[in-house]
Amino acid sequence: MGGTPKGRYWEEFTVGEVLVTGRRTVDGGDVSRFAGLTGDFNPLHTDAEFAKTTPFGARVAHGILTLAVSNGSQKLAGWFEGTTLALLGLDRVRFTAPVKFGDTVHTEMTLKERRESSKPGRGVVIFEASVKNQRGETVCSYEESVLVRRRP
């Protein structure tokens, strides 16, 4: 990566602040591409007739796809562009409602903790994240730990 990082440094994150990503609509093409990429062709996601027999009544997005969309929307927001050193972990991941085709999701991240790293020039930020649909229902929640650069 060249140039000056555009993302936020560790010192620029404040415990208690809430970051909200942009929205993204999930559709059948997303699910088909994800199935092809991962090899997860579970009929719940790929077979409309089978999916009609499930409690959801129709095909739904993969839970991991929802998590990936959440991660991508964080990157698009720019908070971590050029300042992230590592995604340290995703803990307590829960999928609490289906993402149906045509649902529009966004992620709300509350900064829970900010601590120095044992190595110089870096720090850890820990977020409670909730992925919500257009009705405000949480469809996925998790804790995310990110290692970010400190100011030079």
C-alpha atoms as a PDB file:
ATOM      1  CA  MET A   1       0.000   0.000   0.000  1.00  0.00           C
ATOM      2  CA  GLY A   2       1.403   3.396  -0.895  1.00  0.00           C
ATOM      3  CA  GLY A   3       0.777   6.779   0.610  1.00  0.00           C
ATOM      4  CA  THR A   4      -0.724   7.803   3.910  1.00  0.00           C
ATOM      5  CA  PRO A   5      -3.285   5.483   5.525  1.00  0.00           C
ATOM      6  CA  LYS A   6      -6.857   6.793   5.301  1.00  0.00           C
ATOM      7  CA  GLY A   7      -8.193   4.750   8.199  1.00  0.00           C
ATOM      8  CA  ARG A   8      -8.356   5.671  11.843  1.00  0.00           C
ATOM      9  CA  TYR A   9      -5.457   5.140  14.193  1.00  0.00           C
ATOM     10  CA  TRP A  10      -5.886   3.464  17.594  1.00  0.00           C
ATOM     11  CA  GLU A  11      -5.891   6.853  19.353  1.00  0.00           C
ATOM     12  CA  GLU A  12      -8.844   8.014  17.240  1.00  0.00           C
ATOM     13  CA  PHE A  13     -11.235   5.362  18.538  1.00  0.00           C
ATOM     14  CA  THR A  14     -13.296   6.189  21.648  1.00  0.00           C
ATOM     15  CA  VAL A  15     -14.886   3.627  23.968  1.00  0.00           C
ATOM     16  CA  GLY A  16     -18.668   3.866  23.697  1.00  0.00           C
ATOM     17  CA  GLU A  17     -18.749   5.361  20.214  1.00  0.00           C
ATOM     18  CA  VAL A  18     -21.035   3.753  17.648  1.00  0.00           C
ATOM     19  CA  LEU A  19     -19.943   3.261  14.049  1.00  0.00           C
ATOM     20  CA  VAL A  20     -22.632   2.550  11.441  1.00  0.00           C
ATOM     21  CA  THR A  21     -21.846   1.155   7.997  1.00  0.00           C
ATOM     22  CA  GLY A  22     -23.645   1.826   4.767  1.00  0.00           C
ATOM     23  CA  ARG A  23     -26.491  -0.448   3.671  1.00  0.00           C
ATOM     24  CA  ARG A  24     -26.352  -3.325   1.196  1.00  0.00           C
ATOM     25  CA  THR A  25     -29.152  -5.376  -0.319  1.00  0.00           C
ATOM     26  CA  VAL A  26     -28.509  -9.126  -0.465  1.00  0.00           C
ATOM     27  CA  ASP A  27     -29.912 -10.929  -3.505  1.00  0.00           C
ATOM     28  CA  GLY A  28     -29.936 -14.329  -5.164  1.00  0.00           C
ATOM     29  CA  GLY A  29     -26.852 -13.540  -7.220  1.00  0.00           C
ATOM     30  CA  ASP A  30     -24.873 -12.910  -4.048  1.00  0.00           C
ATOM     31  CA  VAL A  31     -25.970 -16.269  -2.654  1.00  0.00           C
ATOM     32  CA  SER A  32     -25.178 -18.133  -5.895  1.00  0.00           C
ATOM     33  CA  ARG A  33     -21.699 -16.587  -6.126  1.00  0.00           C
ATOM     34  CA  PHE A  34     -21.023 -17.338  -2.460  1.00  0.00           C
ATOM     35  CA  ALA A  35     -22.142 -20.965  -2.887  1.00  0.00           C
ATOM     36  CA  GLY A  36     -19.836 -21.339  -5.879  1.00  0.00           C
ATOM     37  CA  LEU A  37     -16.915 -19.725  -4.100  1.00  0.00           C
ATOM     38  CA  THR A  38     -17.234 -21.752  -0.897  1.00  0.00           C
ATOM     39  CA  GLY A  39     -18.748 -24.998  -2.165  1.00  0.00           C
ATOM     40  CA  ASP A  40     -21.680 -24.616   0.260  1.00  0.00           C
ATOM     41  CA  PHE A  41     -24.594 -25.684  -1.904  1.00  0.00           C
ATOM     42  CA  ASN A  42     -26.940 -26.479   0.983  1.00  0.00           C
ATOM     43  CA  PRO A  43     -30.416 -26.629  -0.601  1.00  0.00           C
ATOM     44  CA  LEU A  44     -31.678 -24.129   1.983  1.00  0.00           C
ATOM     45  CA  HIS A  45     -29.671 -21.561   0.017  1.00  0.00           C
ATOM     46  CA  THR A  46     -29.705 -22.958  -3.521  1.00  0.00           C
ATOM     47  CA  ASP A  47     -32.922 -24.957  -4.103  1.00  0.00           C
ATOM     48  CA  ALA A  48     -36.111 -22.876  -4.183  1.00  0.00           C
ATOM     49  CA  GLU A  49     -38.432 -25.898  -4.030  1.00  0.00           C
ATOM     50  CA  PHE A  50     -36.627 -27.420  -1.058  1.00  0.00           C
ATOM     51  CA  ALA A  51     -36.468 -24.057   0.714  1.00  0.00           C
ATOM     52  CA  LYS A  52     -40.277 -23.755   0.466  1.00  0.00           C
ATOM     53  CA  THR A  53     -40.504 -26.733   2.847  1.00  0.00           C
ATOM     54  CA  THR A  54     -38.392 -25.047   5.545  1.00  0.00           C
ATOM     55  CA  PRO A  55     -39.606 -22.749   8.325  1.00  0.00           C
ATOM     56  CA  PHE A  56     -38.331 -19.795   6.245  1.00  0.00           C
ATOM     57  CA  GLY A  57     -40.538 -20.689   3.271  1.00  0.00           C
ATOM     58  CA  ALA A  58     -37.940 -19.528   0.740  1.00  0.00           C
ATOM     59  CA  ARG A  59     -34.220 -19.536   0.046  1.00  0.00           C
ATOM     60  CA  VAL A  60     -32.134 -17.504   2.502  1.00  0.00           C
ATOM     61  CA  ALA A  61     -28.560 -16.213   2.528  1.00  0.00           C
ATOM     62  CA  HIS A  62     -25.780 -18.197   4.158  1.00  0.00           C
ATOM     63  CA  GLY A  63     -25.027 -16.963   7.662  1.00  0.00           C
ATOM     64  CA  ILE A  64     -21.339 -16.724   6.787  1.00  0.00           C
ATOM     65  CA  LEU A  65     -22.261 -14.626   3.735  1.00  0.00           C
ATOM     66  CA  THR A  66     -24.043 -12.203   6.072  1.00  0.00           C
ATOM     67  CA  LEU A  67     -20.898 -12.042   8.206  1.00  0.00           C
ATOM     68  CA  ALA A  68     -18.766 -11.439   5.096  1.00  0.00           C
ATOM     69  CA  VAL A  69     -21.074  -8.645   3.901  1.00  0.00           C
ATOM     70  CA  SER A  70     -20.776  -7.060   7.348  1.00  0.00           C
ATOM     71  CA  ASN A  71     -16.988  -7.242   7.170  1.00  0.00           C
ATOM     72  CA  GLY A  72     -16.938  -5.804   3.659  1.00  0.00           C
ATOM     73  CA  SER A  73     -19.186  -2.902   4.597  1.00  0.00           C
ATOM     74  CA  GLN A  74     -16.785  -2.026   7.418  1.00  0.00           C
ATOM     75  CA  LYS A  75     -13.944  -1.884   4.922  1.00  0.00           C
ATOM     76  CA  LEU A  76     -15.998   0.297   2.562  1.00  0.00           C
ATOM     77  CA  ALA A  77     -16.615   2.727   5.430  1.00  0.00           C
ATOM     78  CA  GLY A  78     -12.860   3.395   5.474  1.00  0.00           C
ATOM     79  CA  TRP A  79     -12.324   3.249   9.247  1.00  0.00           C
ATOM     80  CA  PHE A  80      -9.645   0.587   8.896  1.00  0.00           C
ATOM     81  CA  GLU A  81      -8.142   1.447   5.502  1.00  0.00           C
ATOM     82  CA  GLY A  82      -4.368   1.220   5.789  1.00  0.00           C
ATOM     83  CA  THR A  83      -4.344   1.175   9.584  1.00  0.00           C
ATOM     84  CA  THR A  84      -5.495  -2.390  10.264  1.00  0.00           C
ATOM     85  CA  LEU A  85      -2.699  -4.838  10.964  1.00  0.00           C
ATOM     86  CA  ALA A  86      -4.832  -7.917  11.692  1.00  0.00           C
ATOM     87  CA  LEU A  87      -8.312  -9.147  12.422  1.00  0.00           C
ATOM     88  CA  LEU A  88      -7.606 -10.866  15.745  1.00  0.00           C
ATOM     89  CA  GLY A  89     -10.915 -12.588  16.196  1.00  0.00           C
ATOM     90  CA  LEU A  90     -14.644 -12.853  15.840  1.00  0.00           C
ATOM     91  CA  ASP A  91     -16.173 -14.156  19.051  1.00  0.00           C
ATOM     92  CA  ARG A  92     -19.691 -15.091  20.149  1.00  0.00           C
ATOM     93  CA  VAL A  93     -21.018 -15.075  16.570  1.00  0.00           C
ATOM     94  CA  ARG A  94     -24.783 -15.608  16.533  1.00  0.00           C
ATOM     95  CA  PHE A  95     -27.181 -15.764  13.590  1.00  0.00           C
ATOM     96  CA  THR A  96     -30.501 -14.718  15.070  1.00  0.00           C
ATOM     97  CA  ALA A  97     -32.763 -14.250  12.038  1.00  0.00           C
ATOM     98  CA  PRO A  98     -32.629 -15.211   8.364  1.00  0.00           C
ATOM     99  CA  VAL A  99     -31.475 -12.810   5.679  1.00  0.00           C
ATOM    100  CA  LYS A 100     -33.989 -13.220   2.881  1.00  0.00           C
ATOM    101  CA  PHE A 101     -33.379 -12.249  -0.714  1.00  0.00           C
ATOM    102  CA  GLY A 102     -34.029  -8.536  -1.042  1.00  0.00           C
ATOM    103  CA  ASP A 103     -33.215  -7.762   2.600  1.00  0.00           C
ATOM    104  CA  THR A 104     -31.024  -4.714   3.093  1.00  0.00           C
ATOM    105  CA  VAL A 105     -28.482  -4.991   5.897  1.00  0.00           C
ATOM    106  CA  HIS A 106     -26.092  -2.671   7.691  1.00  0.00           C
ATOM    107  CA  THR A 107     -23.786  -3.085  10.683  1.00  0.00           C
ATOM    108  CA  GLU A 108     -23.763  -1.109  13.924  1.00  0.00           C
ATOM    109  CA  MET A 109     -20.524  -1.401  15.893  1.00  0.00           C
ATOM    110  CA  THR A 110     -20.123  -0.159  19.467  1.00  0.00           C
ATOM    111  CA  LEU A 111     -16.549   0.230  20.672  1.00  0.00           C
ATOM    112  CA  LYS A 112     -16.420  -1.827  23.848  1.00  0.00           C
ATOM    113  CA  GLU A 113     -12.722  -1.745  24.661  1.00  0.00           C
ATOM    114  CA  ARG A 114      -9.492  -0.115  23.537  1.00  0.00           C
ATOM    115  CA  ARG A 115      -6.165  -1.327  24.875  1.00  0.00           C
ATOM    116  CA  GLU A 116      -2.483  -1.020  24.097  1.00  0.00           C
ATOM    117  CA  SER A 117      -0.684  -3.932  22.510  1.00  0.00           C
ATOM    118  CA  SER A 118       2.404  -5.530  24.054  1.00  0.00           C
ATOM    119  CA  LYS A 119       4.295  -4.415  20.923  1.00  0.00           C
ATOM    120  CA  PRO A 120       4.986  -0.774  20.096  1.00  0.00           C
ATOM    121  CA  GLY A 121       3.116   1.071  17.385  1.00  0.00           C
ATOM    122  CA  ARG A 122      -0.135  -0.862  17.689  1.00  0.00           C
ATOM    123  CA  GLY A 123      -3.257  -1.233  19.779  1.00  0.00           C
ATOM    124  CA  VAL A 124      -6.379  -3.363  19.982  1.00  0.00           C
ATOM    125  CA  VAL A 125      -9.961  -2.191  19.513  1.00  0.00           C
ATOM    126  CA  ILE A 126     -12.870  -4.469  20.412  1.00  0.00           C
ATOM    127  CA  PHE A 127     -16.379  -3.908  19.078  1.00  0.00           C
ATOM    128  CA  GLU A 128     -19.808  -5.374  19.757  1.00  0.00           C
ATOM    129  CA  ALA A 129     -21.317  -5.656  16.284  1.00  0.00           C
ATOM    130  CA  SER A 130     -24.945  -6.095  15.231  1.00  0.00           C
ATOM    131  CA  VAL A 131     -25.990  -6.698  11.652  1.00  0.00           C
ATOM    132  CA  LYS A 132     -29.521  -5.379  11.171  1.00  0.00           C
ATOM    133  CA  ASN A 133     -32.028  -5.655   8.370  1.00  0.00           C
ATOM    134  CA  GLN A 134     -34.261  -2.918   6.964  1.00  0.00           C
ATOM    135  CA  ARG A 135     -36.806  -3.539   9.754  1.00  0.00           C
ATOM    136  CA  GLY A 136     -34.173  -2.966  12.459  1.00  0.00           C
ATOM    137  CA  GLU A 137     -34.081  -6.654  13.404  1.00  0.00           C
ATOM    138  CA  THR A 138     -30.693  -8.058  14.400  1.00  0.00           C
ATOM    139  CA  VAL A 139     -29.845 -10.904  12.025  1.00  0.00           C
ATOM    140  CA  CYS A 140     -26.277 -11.493  13.249  1.00  0.00           C
ATOM    141  CA  SER A 141     -24.224 -10.349  16.237  1.00  0.00           C
ATOM    142  CA  TYR A 142     -20.611 -10.830  17.226  1.00  0.00           C
ATOM    143  CA  GLU A 143     -17.612  -9.373  19.021  1.00  0.00           C
ATOM    144  CA  GLU A 144     -14.782  -8.232  16.751  1.00  0.00           C
ATOM    145  CA  SER A 145     -11.167  -7.625  17.834  1.00  0.00           C
ATOM    146  CA  VAL A 146      -8.903  -5.656  15.500  1.00  0.00           C
ATOM    147  CA  LEU A 147      -5.203  -4.824  15.769  1.00  0.00           C
ATOM    148  CA  VAL A 148      -4.638  -1.298  14.441  1.00  0.00           C
ATOM    149  CA  ARG A 149      -1.710   1.056  14.037  1.00  0.00           C
ATOM    150  CA  ARG A 150      -0.995   3.771  16.562  1.00  0.00           C
ATOM    151  CA  ARG A 151      -0.056   7.249  15.375  1.00  0.00           C
ATOM    152  CA  PRO A 152       3.534   7.402  14.121  1.00  0.00           C
END
